[in-house]
PDB file of N, CA and C in Angstrom:
ATOM      1  N   MET A   1       0.839  -1.172   0.000  1.00  0.00           N
ATOM      2  CA  MET A   1       0.000   0.000   0.000  1.00  0.00           C
ATOM      3  C   MET A   1       0.882   1.232   0.000  1.00  0.00           C
ATOM      4  N   LYS A   2       0.540   2.199  -0.809  1.00  0.00           N
ATOM      5  CA  LYS A   2       1.321   3.419  -0.894  1.00  0.00           C
ATOM      6  C   LYS A   2       0.844   4.384   0.178  1.00  0.00           C
ATOM      7  N   THR A   3       1.767   5.184   0.666  1.00  0.00           N
ATOM      8  CA  THR A   3       1.414   6.204   1.635  1.00  0.00           C
ATOM      9  C   THR A   3       1.672   7.564   1.032  1.00  0.00           C
ATOM     10  N   ILE A   4       0.951   8.565   1.478  1.00  0.00           N
ATOM     11  CA  ILE A   4       1.077   9.914   0.950  1.00  0.00           C
ATOM     12  C   ILE A   4       2.285  10.594   1.577  1.00  0.00           C
ATOM     13  N   ILE A   5       3.100  11.213   0.730  1.00  0.00           N
ATOM     14  CA  ILE A   5       4.265  11.963   1.191  1.00  0.00           C
ATOM     15  C   ILE A   5       3.812  13.395   1.394  1.00  0.00           C
ATOM     16  N   GLY A   6       4.090  13.966   2.533  1.00  0.00           N
ATOM     17  CA  GLY A   6       3.694  15.336   2.806  1.00  0.00           C
ATOM     18  C   GLY A   6       4.694  16.341   2.275  1.00  0.00           C
ATOM     19  N   GLY A   7       4.331  17.056   1.223  1.00  0.00           N
ATOM     20  CA  GLY A   7       5.086  18.205   0.763  1.00  0.00           C
ATOM     21  C   GLY A   7       6.284  17.944  -0.124  1.00  0.00           C
ATOM     22  N   GLY A   8       6.932  16.809  -0.093  1.00  0.00           N
ATOM     23  CA  GLY A   8       8.145  16.626  -0.874  1.00  0.00           C
ATOM     24  C   GLY A   8       7.953  15.624  -1.984  1.00  0.00           C
ATOM     25  N   VAL A   9       8.981  15.506  -2.790  1.00  0.00           N
ATOM     26  CA  VAL A   9       8.978  14.522  -3.863  1.00  0.00           C
ATOM     27  C   VAL A   9      10.026  13.481  -3.518  1.00  0.00           C
ATOM     28  N   ALA A  10       9.659  12.221  -3.574  1.00  0.00           N
ATOM     29  CA  ALA A  10      10.569  11.144  -3.221  1.00  0.00           C
ATOM     30  C   ALA A  10      11.654  11.007  -4.269  1.00  0.00           C
ATOM     31  N   ALA A  11      12.870  10.757  -3.828  1.00  0.00           N
ATOM     32  CA  ALA A  11      13.966  10.506  -4.748  1.00  0.00           C
ATOM     33  C   ALA A  11      13.892   9.065  -5.211  1.00  0.00           C
ATOM     34  N   LEU A  12      14.253   8.833  -6.449  1.00  0.00           N
ATOM     35  CA  LEU A  12      14.223   7.500  -7.010  1.00  0.00           C
ATOM     36  C   LEU A  12      15.645   7.087  -7.325  1.00  0.00           C
ATOM     37  N   VAL A  13      16.088   5.948  -6.809  1.00  0.00           N
ATOM     38  CA  VAL A  13      17.425   5.449  -7.053  1.00  0.00           C
ATOM     39  C   VAL A  13      17.349   4.455  -8.198  1.00  0.00           C
ATOM     40  N   LEU A  14      18.161   4.694  -9.234  1.00  0.00           N
ATOM     41  CA  LEU A  14      18.189   3.805 -10.388  1.00  0.00           C
ATOM     42  C   LEU A  14      19.392   2.895 -10.272  1.00  0.00           C
ATOM     43  N   LEU A  15      19.164   1.589 -10.414  1.00  0.00           N
ATOM     44  CA  LEU A  15      20.234   0.612 -10.339  1.00  0.00           C
ATOM     45  C   LEU A  15      20.445   0.000 -11.708  1.00  0.00           C
ATOM     46  N   GLY A  16      21.663  -0.452 -11.965  1.00  0.00           N
ATOM     47  CA  GLY A  16      21.952  -1.101 -13.233  1.00  0.00           C
ATOM     48  C   GLY A  16      23.147  -0.451 -13.902  1.00  0.00           C
ATOM     49  N   SER A  17      23.652  -1.096 -14.930  1.00  0.00           N
ATOM     50  CA  SER A  17      24.843  -0.603 -15.580  1.00  0.00           C
ATOM     51  C   SER A  17      24.550   0.372 -16.703  1.00  0.00           C
ATOM     52  N   ALA A  18      23.320   0.384 -17.219  1.00  0.00           N
ATOM     53  CA  ALA A  18      22.988   1.294 -18.304  1.00  0.00           C
ATOM     54  C   ALA A  18      22.786   2.701 -17.766  1.00  0.00           C
ATOM     55  N   LEU A  19      23.111   3.686 -18.590  1.00  0.00           N
ATOM     56  CA  LEU A  19      22.878   5.068 -18.197  1.00  0.00           C
ATOM     57  C   LEU A  19      21.383   5.350 -18.230  1.00  0.00           C
ATOM     58  N   PRO A  20      20.843   6.049 -17.217  1.00  0.00           N
ATOM     59  CA  PRO A  20      19.414   6.332 -17.207  1.00  0.00           C
ATOM     60  C   PRO A  20      19.055   7.349 -18.287  1.00  0.00           C
ATOM     61  N   VAL A  21      17.840   7.252 -18.780  1.00  0.00           N
ATOM     62  CA  VAL A  21      17.318   8.215 -19.723  1.00  0.00           C
ATOM     63  C   VAL A  21      17.068   9.515 -18.964  1.00  0.00           C
ATOM     64  N   ALA A  22      17.312  10.654 -19.597  1.00  0.00           N
ATOM     65  CA  ALA A  22      17.091  11.942 -18.939  1.00  0.00           C
ATOM     66  C   ALA A  22      15.608  12.099 -18.598  1.00  0.00           C
ATOM     67  N   ALA A  23      15.350  12.563 -17.398  1.00  0.00           N
ATOM     68  CA  ALA A  23      13.968  12.763 -16.956  1.00  0.00           C
ATOM     69  C   ALA A  23      13.371  13.959 -17.683  1.00  0.00           C
ATOM     70  N   GLU A  24      12.114  13.822 -18.069  1.00  0.00           N
ATOM     71  CA  GLU A  24      11.390  14.903 -18.711  1.00  0.00           C
ATOM     72  C   GLU A  24      10.091  15.131 -17.965  1.00  0.00           C
ATOM     73  N   ASP A  25       9.650  16.386 -17.936  1.00  0.00           N
ATOM     74  CA  ASP A  25       8.345  16.676 -17.377  1.00  0.00           C
ATOM     75  C   ASP A  25       7.284  16.109 -18.317  1.00  0.00           C
ATOM     76  N   ILE A  26       6.228  15.543 -17.745  1.00  0.00           N
ATOM     77  CA  ILE A  26       5.134  14.971 -18.514  1.00  0.00           C
ATOM     78  C   ILE A  26       3.899  15.850 -18.325  1.00  0.00           C
ATOM     79  N   TYR A  27       3.246  16.170 -19.430  1.00  0.00           N
ATOM     80  CA  TYR A  27       2.027  16.969 -19.416  1.00  0.00           C
ATOM     81  C   TYR A  27       0.915  16.174 -20.095  1.00  0.00           C
ATOM     82  N   PHE A  28      -0.270  16.194 -19.508  1.00  0.00           N
ATOM     83  CA  PHE A  28      -1.431  15.595 -20.159  1.00  0.00           C
ATOM     84  C   PHE A  28      -2.685  16.285 -19.652  1.00  0.00           C
ATOM     85  N   THR A  29      -3.773  16.125 -20.394  1.00  0.00           N
ATOM     86  CA  THR A  29      -5.043  16.725 -20.009  1.00  0.00           C
ATOM     87  C   THR A  29      -5.840  15.709 -19.198  1.00  0.00           C
ATOM     88  N   LEU A  30      -6.337  16.142 -18.044  1.00  0.00           N
ATOM     89  CA  LEU A  30      -7.174  15.305 -17.189  1.00  0.00           C
ATOM     90  C   LEU A  30      -8.612  15.791 -17.335  1.00  0.00           C
ATOM     91  N   TYR A  31      -9.487  14.903 -17.796  1.00  0.00           N
ATOM     92  CA  TYR A  31     -10.907  15.202 -17.961  1.00  0.00           C
ATOM     93  C   TYR A  31     -11.678  14.562 -16.818  1.00  0.00           C
ATOM     94  N   ASN A  32     -12.536  15.349 -16.180  1.00  0.00           N
ATOM     95  CA  ASN A  32     -13.393  14.817 -15.128  1.00  0.00           C
ATOM     96  C   ASN A  32     -14.801  14.651 -15.681  1.00  0.00           C
ATOM     97  N   GLU A  33     -15.092  13.466 -16.181  1.00  0.00           N
ATOM     98  CA  GLU A  33     -16.411  13.159 -16.736  1.00  0.00           C
ATOM     99  C   GLU A  33     -17.269  12.416 -15.722  1.00  0.00           C
ATOM    100  N   SER A  34     -16.896  12.521 -14.449  1.00  0.00           N
ATOM    101  CA  SER A  34     -17.711  11.921 -13.390  1.00  0.00           C
ATOM    102  C   SER A  34     -18.777  12.929 -12.963  1.00  0.00           C
ATOM    103  N   ASN A  35     -19.568  12.553 -11.981  1.00  0.00           N
ATOM    104  CA  ASN A  35     -20.594  13.449 -11.441  1.00  0.00           C
ATOM    105  C   ASN A  35     -20.140  14.133 -10.163  1.00  0.00           C
ATOM    106  N   ARG A  36     -18.854  13.991  -9.828  1.00  0.00           N
ATOM    107  CA  ARG A  36     -18.323  14.545  -8.578  1.00  0.00           C
ATOM    108  C   ARG A  36     -17.054  15.346  -8.851  1.00  0.00           C
ATOM    109  N   SER A  37     -16.769  16.302  -7.999  1.00  0.00           N
ATOM    110  CA  SER A  37     -15.523  17.059  -8.115  1.00  0.00           C
ATOM    111  C   SER A  37     -14.358  16.219  -7.619  1.00  0.00           C
ATOM    112  N   LEU A  38     -13.226  16.393  -8.271  1.00  0.00           N
ATOM    113  CA  LEU A  38     -11.989  15.752  -7.848  1.00  0.00           C
ATOM    114  C   LEU A  38     -11.283  16.698  -6.883  1.00  0.00           C
ATOM    115  N   HIS A  39     -10.997  16.221  -5.664  1.00  0.00           N
ATOM    116  CA  HIS A  39     -10.359  17.069  -4.661  1.00  0.00           C
ATOM    117  C   HIS A  39      -8.869  16.810  -4.512  1.00  0.00           C
ATOM    118  N   TYR A  40      -8.420  15.575  -4.741  1.00  0.00           N
ATOM    119  CA  TYR A  40      -7.004  15.238  -4.617  1.00  0.00           C
ATOM    120  C   TYR A  40      -6.628  14.278  -5.736  1.00  0.00           C
ATOM    121  N   PHE A  41      -5.424  14.482  -6.283  1.00  0.00           N
ATOM    122  CA  PHE A  41      -4.920  13.597  -7.329  1.00  0.00           C
ATOM    123  C   PHE A  41      -3.448  13.321  -7.049  1.00  0.00           C
ATOM    124  N   TYR A  42      -3.139  12.055  -6.811  1.00  0.00           N
ATOM    125  CA  TYR A  42      -1.767  11.633  -6.525  1.00  0.00           C
ATOM    126  C   TYR A  42      -1.281  10.727  -7.648  1.00  0.00           C
ATOM    127  N   ALA A  43       0.012  10.790  -7.923  1.00  0.00           N
ATOM    128  CA  ALA A  43       0.620   9.919  -8.924  1.00  0.00           C
ATOM    129  C   ALA A  43       2.005   9.538  -8.438  1.00  0.00           C
ATOM    130  N   SER A  44       2.403   8.317  -8.739  1.00  0.00           N
ATOM    131  CA  SER A  44       3.755   7.877  -8.405  1.00  0.00           C
ATOM    132  C   SER A  44       4.148   6.745  -9.330  1.00  0.00           C
ATOM    133  N   PRO A  45       5.453   6.570  -9.545  1.00  0.00           N
ATOM    134  CA  PRO A  45       5.883   5.433 -10.360  1.00  0.00           C
ATOM    135  C   PRO A  45       5.296   4.140  -9.797  1.00  0.00           C
ATOM    136  N   SER A  46       4.883   3.243 -10.670  1.00  0.00           N
ATOM    137  CA  SER A  46       4.243   2.000 -10.228  1.00  0.00           C
ATOM    138  C   SER A  46       5.131   1.182  -9.301  1.00  0.00           C
ATOM    139  N   ALA A  47       6.441   1.279  -9.449  1.00  0.00           N
ATOM    140  CA  ALA A  47       7.374   0.519  -8.609  1.00  0.00           C
ATOM    141  C   ALA A  47       7.566   1.145  -7.229  1.00  0.00           C
ATOM    142  N   SER A  48       7.049   2.343  -7.014  1.00  0.00           N
ATOM    143  CA  SER A  48       7.222   3.049  -5.742  1.00  0.00           C
ATOM    144  C   SER A  48       6.242   2.532  -4.691  1.00  0.00           C
ATOM    145  N   THR A  49       6.625   2.671  -3.434  1.00  0.00           N
ATOM    146  CA  THR A  49       5.732   2.289  -2.336  1.00  0.00           C
ATOM    147  C   THR A  49       5.078   3.505  -1.687  1.00  0.00           C
ATOM    148  N   ARG A  50       5.331   4.685  -2.223  1.00  0.00           N
ATOM    149  CA  ARG A  50       4.777   5.917  -1.658  1.00  0.00           C
ATOM    150  C   ARG A  50       4.106   6.753  -2.738  1.00  0.00           C
ATOM    151  N   TRP A  51       3.105   7.506  -2.321  1.00  0.00           N
ATOM    152  CA  TRP A  51       2.459   8.441  -3.230  1.00  0.00           C
ATOM    153  C   TRP A  51       3.242   9.743  -3.251  1.00  0.00           C
ATOM    154  N   GLY A  52       3.261  10.393  -4.386  1.00  0.00           N
ATOM    155  CA  GLY A  52       3.842  11.725  -4.503  1.00  0.00           C
ATOM    156  C   GLY A  52       2.877  12.754  -3.937  1.00  0.00           C
ATOM    157  N   PRO A  53       3.219  14.036  -4.065  1.00  0.00           N
ATOM    158  CA  PRO A  53       2.352  15.097  -3.539  1.00  0.00           C
ATOM    159  C   PRO A  53       1.061  15.232  -4.350  1.00  0.00           C
ATOM    160  N   ASP A  54       0.076  15.878  -3.762  1.00  0.00           N
ATOM    161  CA  ASP A  54      -1.190  16.143  -4.442  1.00  0.00           C
ATOM    162  C   ASP A  54      -0.909  17.036  -5.652  1.00  0.00           C
ATOM    163  N   LEU A  55      -1.264  16.558  -6.833  1.00  0.00           N
ATOM    164  CA  LEU A  55      -0.993  17.318  -8.055  1.00  0.00           C
ATOM    165  C   LEU A  55      -1.973  18.463  -8.276  1.00  0.00           C
ATOM    166  N   LEU A  56      -3.046  18.531  -7.493  1.00  0.00           N
ATOM    167  CA  LEU A  56      -3.976  19.662  -7.592  1.00  0.00           C
ATOM    168  C   LEU A  56      -3.541  20.834  -6.717  1.00  0.00           C
ATOM    169  N   ARG A  57      -2.656  20.627  -5.817  1.00  0.00           N
ATOM    170  CA  ARG A  57      -2.036  21.614  -4.924  1.00  0.00           C
ATOM    171  C   ARG A  57      -2.885  22.843  -4.590  1.00  0.00           C
ATOM    172  N   GLY A  58      -2.720  23.289  -3.393  1.00  0.00           N
ATOM    173  CA  GLY A  58      -3.314  24.542  -2.965  1.00  0.00           C
ATOM    174  C   GLY A  58      -4.815  24.521  -2.793  1.00  0.00           C
ATOM    175  N   GLY A  59      -5.396  23.353  -2.553  1.00  0.00           N
ATOM    176  CA  GLY A  59      -6.826  23.282  -2.317  1.00  0.00           C
ATOM    177  C   GLY A  59      -7.674  23.401  -3.572  1.00  0.00           C
ATOM    178  N   HIS A  60      -7.066  23.308  -4.740  1.00  0.00           N
ATOM    179  CA  HIS A  60      -7.826  23.366  -5.982  1.00  0.00           C
ATOM    180  C   HIS A  60      -8.631  22.087  -6.185  1.00  0.00           C
ATOM    181  N   THR A  61      -9.700  22.191  -6.941  1.00  0.00           N
ATOM    182  CA  THR A  61     -10.495  21.028  -7.304  1.00  0.00           C
ATOM    183  C   THR A  61     -10.708  21.036  -8.810  1.00  0.00           C
ATOM    184  N   LEU A  62     -11.026  19.873  -9.346  1.00  0.00           N
ATOM    185  CA  LEU A  62     -11.410  19.761 -10.749  1.00  0.00           C
ATOM    186  C   LEU A  62     -12.877  19.356 -10.756  1.00  0.00           C
ATOM    187  N   ARG A  63     -13.726  20.318 -11.043  1.00  0.00           N
ATOM    188  CA  ARG A  63     -15.167  20.082 -10.979  1.00  0.00           C
ATOM    189  C   ARG A  63     -15.626  19.113 -12.047  1.00  0.00           C
ATOM    190  N   ALA A  64     -16.739  18.458 -11.797  1.00  0.00           N
ATOM    191  CA  ALA A  64     -17.345  17.535 -12.760  1.00  0.00           C
ATOM    192  C   ALA A  64     -17.584  18.265 -14.075  1.00  0.00           C
ATOM    193  N   GLY A  65     -17.209  17.615 -15.184  1.00  0.00           N
ATOM    194  CA  GLY A  65     -17.402  18.207 -16.499  1.00  0.00           C
ATOM    195  C   GLY A  65     -16.280  19.112 -16.963  1.00  0.00           C
ATOM    196  N   TYR A  66     -15.279  19.328 -16.146  1.00  0.00           N
ATOM    197  CA  TYR A  66     -14.165  20.212 -16.493  1.00  0.00           C
ATOM    198  C   TYR A  66     -12.909  19.397 -16.777  1.00  0.00           C
ATOM    199  N   ASN A  67     -11.892  20.081 -17.297  1.00  0.00           N
ATOM    200  CA  ASN A  67     -10.599  19.453 -17.544  1.00  0.00           C
ATOM    201  C   ASN A  67      -9.490  20.418 -17.179  1.00  0.00           C
ATOM    202  N   GLY A  68      -8.298  19.883 -17.051  1.00  0.00           N
ATOM    203  CA  GLY A  68      -7.136  20.708 -16.737  1.00  0.00           C
ATOM    204  C   GLY A  68      -5.865  19.994 -17.156  1.00  0.00           C
ATOM    205  N   THR A  69      -4.789  20.742 -17.242  1.00  0.00           N
ATOM    206  CA  THR A  69      -3.496  20.175 -17.605  1.00  0.00           C
ATOM    207  C   THR A  69      -2.779  19.704 -16.351  1.00  0.00           C
ATOM    208  N   VAL A  70      -2.291  18.482 -16.389  1.00  0.00           N
ATOM    209  CA  VAL A  70      -1.533  17.891 -15.285  1.00  0.00           C
ATOM    210  C   VAL A  70      -0.066  17.885 -15.681  1.00  0.00           C
ATOM    211  N   THR A  71       0.782  18.247 -14.728  1.00  0.00           N
ATOM    212  CA  THR A  71       2.223  18.181 -14.931  1.00  0.00           C
ATOM    213  C   THR A  71       2.808  17.224 -13.911  1.00  0.00           C
ATOM    214  N   ILE A  72       3.546  16.232 -14.398  1.00  0.00           N
ATOM    215  CA  ILE A  72       4.298  15.347 -13.509  1.00  0.00           C
ATOM    216  C   ILE A  72       5.766  15.676 -13.740  1.00  0.00           C
ATOM    217  N   ALA A  73       6.369  16.299 -12.746  1.00  0.00           N
ATOM    218  CA  ALA A  73       7.747  16.775 -12.846  1.00  0.00           C
ATOM    219  C   ALA A  73       8.523  16.313 -11.621  1.00  0.00           C
ATOM    220  N   ASP A  74       8.567  14.999 -11.420  1.00  0.00           N
ATOM    221  CA  ASP A  74       9.201  14.456 -10.222  1.00  0.00           C
ATOM    222  C   ASP A  74      10.624  13.959 -10.460  1.00  0.00           C
ATOM    223  N   GLY A  75      11.143  14.165 -11.667  1.00  0.00           N
ATOM    224  CA  GLY A  75      12.511  13.741 -11.953  1.00  0.00           C
ATOM    225  C   GLY A  75      12.655  12.269 -12.283  1.00  0.00           C
ATOM    226  N   SER A  76      11.575  11.536 -12.329  1.00  0.00           N
ATOM    227  CA  SER A  76      11.622  10.107 -12.608  1.00  0.00           C
ATOM    228  C   SER A  76      11.797   9.864 -14.106  1.00  0.00           C
ATOM    229  N   THR A  77      12.432   8.765 -14.446  1.00  0.00           N
ATOM    230  CA  THR A  77      12.540   8.335 -15.840  1.00  0.00           C
ATOM    231  C   THR A  77      11.574   7.191 -16.135  1.00  0.00           C
ATOM    232  N   GLU A  78      10.724   6.853 -15.178  1.00  0.00           N
ATOM    233  CA  GLU A  78       9.752   5.770 -15.335  1.00  0.00           C
ATOM    234  C   GLU A  78       8.584   6.217 -16.212  1.00  0.00           C
ATOM    235  N   CYS A  79       8.009   5.291 -16.942  1.00  0.00           N
ATOM    236  CA  CYS A  79       6.818   5.578 -17.753  1.00  0.00           C
ATOM    237  C   CYS A  79       5.539   5.095 -17.083  1.00  0.00           C
ATOM    238  N   TYR A  80       5.612   4.025 -16.285  1.00  0.00           N
ATOM    239  CA  TYR A  80       4.407   3.451 -15.695  1.00  0.00           C
ATOM    240  C   TYR A  80       4.159   4.009 -14.302  1.00  0.00           C
ATOM    241  N   TYR A  81       2.983   4.620 -14.154  1.00  0.00           N
ATOM    242  CA  TYR A  81       2.591   5.287 -12.915  1.00  0.00           C
ATOM    243  C   TYR A  81       1.264   4.741 -12.430  1.00  0.00           C
ATOM    244  N   ASP A  82       1.055   4.873 -11.126  1.00  0.00           N
ATOM    245  CA  ASP A  82      -0.244   4.607 -10.511  1.00  0.00           C
ATOM    246  C   ASP A  82      -0.877   5.948 -10.190  1.00  0.00           C
ATOM    247  N   PHE A  83      -2.182   6.052 -10.362  1.00  0.00           N
ATOM    248  CA  PHE A  83      -2.935   7.264 -10.059  1.00  0.00           C
ATOM    249  C   PHE A  83      -3.890   6.973  -8.911  1.00  0.00           C
ATOM    250  N   LYS A  84      -4.049   7.959  -8.033  1.00  0.00           N
ATOM    251  CA  LYS A  84      -5.038   7.866  -6.957  1.00  0.00           C
ATOM    252  C   LYS A  84      -5.891   9.129  -6.989  1.00  0.00           C
ATOM    253  N   PHE A  85      -7.205   8.922  -7.116  1.00  0.00           N
ATOM    254  CA  PHE A  85      -8.161  10.018  -7.175  1.00  0.00           C
ATOM    255  C   PHE A  85      -9.010   9.999  -5.912  1.00  0.00           C
ATOM    256  N   ILE A  86      -9.158  11.150  -5.272  1.00  0.00           N
ATOM    257  CA  ILE A  86     -10.053  11.274  -4.123  1.00  0.00           C
ATOM    258  C   ILE A  86     -11.084  12.342  -4.479  1.00  0.00           C
ATOM    259  N   MET A  87     -12.334  11.909  -4.489  1.00  0.00           N
ATOM    260  CA  MET A  87     -13.428  12.759  -4.935  1.00  0.00           C
ATOM    261  C   MET A  87     -14.056  13.525  -3.766  1.00  0.00           C
ATOM    262  N   ALA A  88     -14.980  14.424  -4.093  1.00  0.00           N
ATOM    263  CA  ALA A  88     -15.630  15.274  -3.093  1.00  0.00           C
ATOM    264  C   ALA A  88     -16.324  14.461  -2.005  1.00  0.00           C
ATOM    265  N   ASP A  89     -16.861  13.291  -2.359  1.00  0.00           N
ATOM    266  CA  ASP A  89     -17.545  12.460  -1.375  1.00  0.00           C
ATOM    267  C   ASP A  89     -16.577  11.560  -0.603  1.00  0.00           C
ATOM    268  N   ARG A  90     -15.278  11.804  -0.761  1.00  0.00           N
ATOM    269  CA  ARG A  90     -14.183  11.086  -0.096  1.00  0.00           C
ATOM    270  C   ARG A  90     -13.955   9.677  -0.649  1.00  0.00           C
ATOM    271  N   SER A  91     -14.639   9.322  -1.718  1.00  0.00           N
ATOM    272  CA  SER A  91     -14.377   8.028  -2.336  1.00  0.00           C
ATOM    273  C   SER A  91     -13.006   8.069  -3.012  1.00  0.00           C
ATOM    274  N   GLU A  92     -12.321   6.933  -2.974  1.00  0.00           N
ATOM    275  CA  GLU A  92     -10.978   6.833  -3.546  1.00  0.00           C
ATOM    276  C   GLU A  92     -10.958   5.789  -4.648  1.00  0.00           C
ATOM    277  N   THR A  93     -10.238   6.103  -5.706  1.00  0.00           N
ATOM    278  CA  THR A  93     -10.023   5.160  -6.796  1.00  0.00           C
ATOM    279  C   THR A  93      -8.536   5.141  -7.106  1.00  0.00           C
ATOM    280  N   VAL A  94      -7.972   3.942  -7.219  1.00  0.00           N
ATOM    281  CA  VAL A  94      -6.573   3.782  -7.602  1.00  0.00           C
ATOM    282  C   VAL A  94      -6.550   3.041  -8.929  1.00  0.00           C
ATOM    283  N   VAL A  95      -5.792   3.589  -9.879  1.00  0.00           N
ATOM    284  CA  VAL A  95      -5.615   2.971 -11.189  1.00  0.00           C
ATOM    285  C   VAL A  95      -4.123   2.701 -11.339  1.00  0.00           C
ATOM    286  N   ASN A  96      -3.768   1.461 -11.638  1.00  0.00           N
ATOM    287  CA  ASN A  96      -2.365   1.054 -11.705  1.00  0.00           C
ATOM    288  C   ASN A  96      -1.846   0.972 -13.137  1.00  0.00           C
ATOM    289  N   ASP A  97      -0.542   1.163 -13.248  1.00  0.00           N
ATOM    290  CA  ASP A  97       0.212   0.926 -14.481  1.00  0.00           C
ATOM    291  C   ASP A  97      -0.269   1.728 -15.688  1.00  0.00           C
ATOM    292  N   ILE A  98      -0.387   3.033 -15.521  1.00  0.00           N
ATOM    293  CA  ILE A  98      -0.727   3.935 -16.622  1.00  0.00           C
ATOM    294  C   ILE A  98       0.578   4.372 -17.283  1.00  0.00           C
ATOM    295  N   ASN A  99       0.687   4.209 -18.595  1.00  0.00           N
ATOM    296  CA  ASN A  99       1.887   4.625 -19.315  1.00  0.00           C
ATOM    297  C   ASN A  99       1.797   6.126 -19.591  1.00  0.00           C
ATOM    298  N   ILE A 100       2.426   6.929 -18.727  1.00  0.00           N
ATOM    299  CA  ILE A 100       2.338   8.381 -18.883  1.00  0.00           C
ATOM    300  C   ILE A 100       3.208   8.896 -20.024  1.00  0.00           C
ATOM    301  N   CYS A 101       4.175   8.102 -20.487  1.00  0.00           N
ATOM    302  CA  CYS A 101       5.047   8.534 -21.587  1.00  0.00           C
ATOM    303  C   CYS A 101       4.270   8.644 -22.898  1.00  0.00           C
ATOM    304  N   ASP A 102       3.193   7.880 -23.029  1.00  0.00           N
ATOM    305  CA  ASP A 102       2.374   7.903 -24.231  1.00  0.00           C
ATOM    306  C   ASP A 102       1.002   8.521 -23.984  1.00  0.00           C
ATOM    307  N   LEU A 103       0.829   9.162 -22.855  1.00  0.00           N
ATOM    308  CA  LEU A 103      -0.480   9.641 -22.437  1.00  0.00           C
ATOM    309  C   LEU A 103      -0.704  11.081 -22.899  1.00  0.00           C
ATOM    310  N   GLY A 104      -1.719  11.290 -23.718  1.00  0.00           N
ATOM    311  CA  GLY A 104      -2.077  12.643 -24.118  1.00  0.00           C
ATOM    312  C   GLY A 104      -3.186  13.191 -23.250  1.00  0.00           C
ATOM    313  N   SER A 105      -4.028  12.259 -22.745  1.00  0.00           N
ATOM    314  CA  SER A 105      -5.124  12.657 -21.863  1.00  0.00           C
ATOM    315  C   SER A 105      -5.559  11.450 -21.045  1.00  0.00           C
ATOM    316  N   TYR A 106      -6.253  11.732 -19.950  1.00  0.00           N
ATOM    317  CA  TYR A 106      -6.827  10.683 -19.103  1.00  0.00           C
ATOM    318  C   TYR A 106      -8.198  11.192 -18.663  1.00  0.00           C
ATOM    319  N   THR A 107      -9.195  10.300 -18.663  1.00  0.00           N
ATOM    320  CA  THR A 107     -10.550  10.678 -18.300  1.00  0.00           C
ATOM    321  C   THR A 107     -11.007   9.896 -17.079  1.00  0.00           C
ATOM    322  N   ILE A 108     -11.579  10.628 -16.125  1.00  0.00           N
ATOM    323  CA  ILE A 108     -12.186  10.016 -14.929  1.00  0.00           C
ATOM    324  C   ILE A 108     -13.672   9.850 -15.219  1.00  0.00           C
ATOM    325  N   TYR A 109     -14.173   8.644 -15.017  1.00  0.00           N
ATOM    326  CA  TYR A 109     -15.609   8.358 -15.156  1.00  0.00           C
ATOM    327  C   TYR A 109     -16.140   7.867 -13.823  1.00  0.00           C
ATOM    328  N   ASP A 110     -17.456   7.878 -13.663  1.00  0.00           N
ATOM    329  CA  ASP A 110     -18.079   7.291 -12.473  1.00  0.00           C
ATOM    330  C   ASP A 110     -18.083   5.795 -12.592  1.00  0.00           C
TER     331      ASP A 110
END
């Protein structure tokens, strides 16, 4: 189970003899096609045991029917991430193994 990291971004240690690929910031559009507002959105590499910081930061919400640009800039070179969504009614959904390197958009449904 992943735990939420308060305020910081976890460092990722890469092992192996190959040189790591340079980390790039990832941008994609998040569509909220559910009937509830999204209050918290966490993402972390699938191999991690901890959640990164809330990507909505500062108490922002993504209302039902709206969309916004998400930036993942954690310095990771990983492509596969897990997402955790916490909605206005406090319901939580975790989606595993999303390939963010090929992701142009992601849609939340009920």
